[in-house]
Protein backbone atom coordinates (compact mmCIF):
# COMPACT_ATOMS: atom_id res chain seq x y z
CA MET A 1 80.48 1.57 -75.47
CA ASN A 2 80.05 -2.21 -76.53
CA THR A 3 82.27 -4.87 -75.12
CA ILE A 4 81.83 -8.41 -74.88
CA PHE A 5 81.89 -8.42 -70.41
CA ASN A 6 79.00 -8.43 -69.55
CA GLU A 7 77.93 -9.75 -65.85
CA SER A 8 78.33 -12.96 -66.00
CA TRP A 9 81.75 -12.48 -68.43
CA GLU A 10 83.94 -15.00 -66.06
CA GLN A 11 80.64 -18.07 -65.95
CA ARG A 12 80.89 -17.59 -69.53
CA LEU A 13 84.06 -18.50 -69.51
CA GLU A 14 84.40 -21.84 -66.85
CA MET A 15 82.37 -22.99 -69.78
CA GLN A 16 84.79 -23.80 -72.43
CA PHE A 17 86.21 -26.29 -70.02
CA LEU A 18 83.45 -28.48 -69.97
CA LYS A 19 83.50 -28.28 -74.02
CA ASN A 20 84.98 -31.31 -75.78
CA ASP A 21 86.05 -29.51 -78.79
CA ARG A 22 89.79 -30.70 -79.20
CA CYS A 23 89.97 -29.19 -82.92
CA ARG A 24 89.42 -26.14 -81.67
CA LYS A 25 92.73 -23.47 -81.68
CA ARG A 26 94.71 -23.32 -78.23
CA ALA A 27 96.50 -19.66 -76.99
CA TYR A 28 98.45 -19.53 -73.69
CA ILE A 29 98.19 -16.70 -72.11
CA CYS A 30 100.79 -14.30 -70.72
CA SER A 31 100.32 -11.71 -68.13
CA PRO A 32 101.57 -10.59 -64.90
CA LEU A 33 100.88 -12.30 -62.03
CA SER A 34 103.57 -11.19 -59.19
CA ALA A 35 102.51 -8.32 -57.77
CA LYS A 36 103.75 -5.94 -54.29
CA ASP A 37 100.57 -6.71 -52.82
CA ASP A 38 97.73 -9.10 -52.31
CA THR A 39 95.40 -6.52 -54.35
CA ASP A 40 97.42 -6.16 -56.89
CA PHE A 41 98.38 -10.62 -56.70
CA LEU A 42 93.99 -10.92 -57.26
CA ARG A 43 93.31 -8.03 -60.24
CA ASN A 44 96.63 -9.50 -61.61
CA MET A 45 94.32 -13.21 -61.32
CA HIS A 46 91.20 -11.36 -62.57
CA ILE A 47 93.37 -9.79 -65.90
CA ALA A 48 94.44 -12.92 -66.84
CA ARG A 49 90.61 -14.98 -66.70
CA ALA A 50 89.51 -11.09 -68.96
CA TYR A 51 92.75 -12.22 -71.39
CA MET A 52 91.19 -16.24 -71.51
CA TYR A 53 87.67 -15.03 -72.08
CA TYR A 54 88.71 -12.20 -75.30
CA ALA A 55 90.64 -15.39 -76.70
CA SER A 56 87.71 -17.51 -76.91
CA GLU A 57 85.29 -15.00 -77.24
CA LYS A 58 86.93 -13.36 -79.84
CA MET A 59 89.10 -15.53 -81.59
CA GLY A 60 87.31 -19.07 -80.92
CA MET A 61 90.12 -20.49 -79.15
CA TYR A 62 90.25 -22.65 -76.59
CA ALA A 63 92.30 -20.42 -73.21
CA ASN A 64 95.14 -21.57 -71.53
CA THR A 65 96.09 -19.56 -68.57
CA PRO A 66 97.20 -21.50 -65.27
CA HIS A 67 97.83 -18.45 -63.18
CA ALA A 68 93.83 -17.62 -63.51
CA TYR A 69 93.43 -19.82 -61.49
CA LEU A 70 95.81 -22.32 -59.90
CA PRO A 71 97.30 -19.88 -57.21
CA MET A 72 93.47 -20.20 -55.53
CA LEU A 73 94.84 -23.74 -54.71
CA LEU A 74 98.35 -23.30 -54.37
CA CYS A 75 100.46 -21.08 -52.93
CA ASP A 76 102.65 -18.79 -55.26
CA LYS A 77 104.86 -17.82 -52.21
CA LEU A 78 106.06 -21.73 -51.88
CA PRO A 79 108.81 -22.82 -53.53
CA SER A 80 107.59 -26.87 -54.06
CA GLU A 81 103.97 -25.05 -54.88
CA ARG A 82 105.70 -22.50 -57.84
CA VAL A 83 107.35 -25.18 -59.34
CA LEU A 84 104.17 -27.59 -59.42
CA VAL A 85 102.07 -24.61 -60.80
CA LEU A 86 104.85 -24.15 -63.75
CA ARG A 87 104.89 -26.86 -64.73
CA PHE A 88 101.45 -26.92 -65.08
CA GLY A 89 101.84 -25.11 -67.81
CA LEU A 90 105.08 -27.05 -70.13
CA PRO A 91 103.85 -29.05 -72.79
CA ASP A 92 104.26 -32.87 -71.37
CA HIS A 93 107.33 -33.86 -73.47
CA GLU A 94 108.79 -31.03 -71.08
CA THR A 95 107.90 -31.97 -67.75
CA ASN A 96 109.10 -35.50 -67.84
C-alpha cells in the first residue's frame, strides 16, 4: 500500500514552518482534541499533525492546526490558558 507517511513525516511537516512562502494557500485544520483520557488526548494531537501533513504534502497547502502542538506548551484544562490557545486560531481582526 502506498502511503505518504514514512519514518520522517513529522520532521518534514515541521519544515513547512521554516519556508517563507506567503503565496501558498492556507488550510485551517479542525479535528477533535478533547478525549476521555490522556492517551486519547495525545492520539488526537498526533492525528491533527497527520491531517496537517496531508494538507501540506498532497494539497500543497500551509496547514494551521494550533491544537496539534500548543497543548504541549499550554494546559487545555486551565481555563485561562485554553482561552489563550483558542485565540491563536482566530484572524487578527477577531482577537481585538
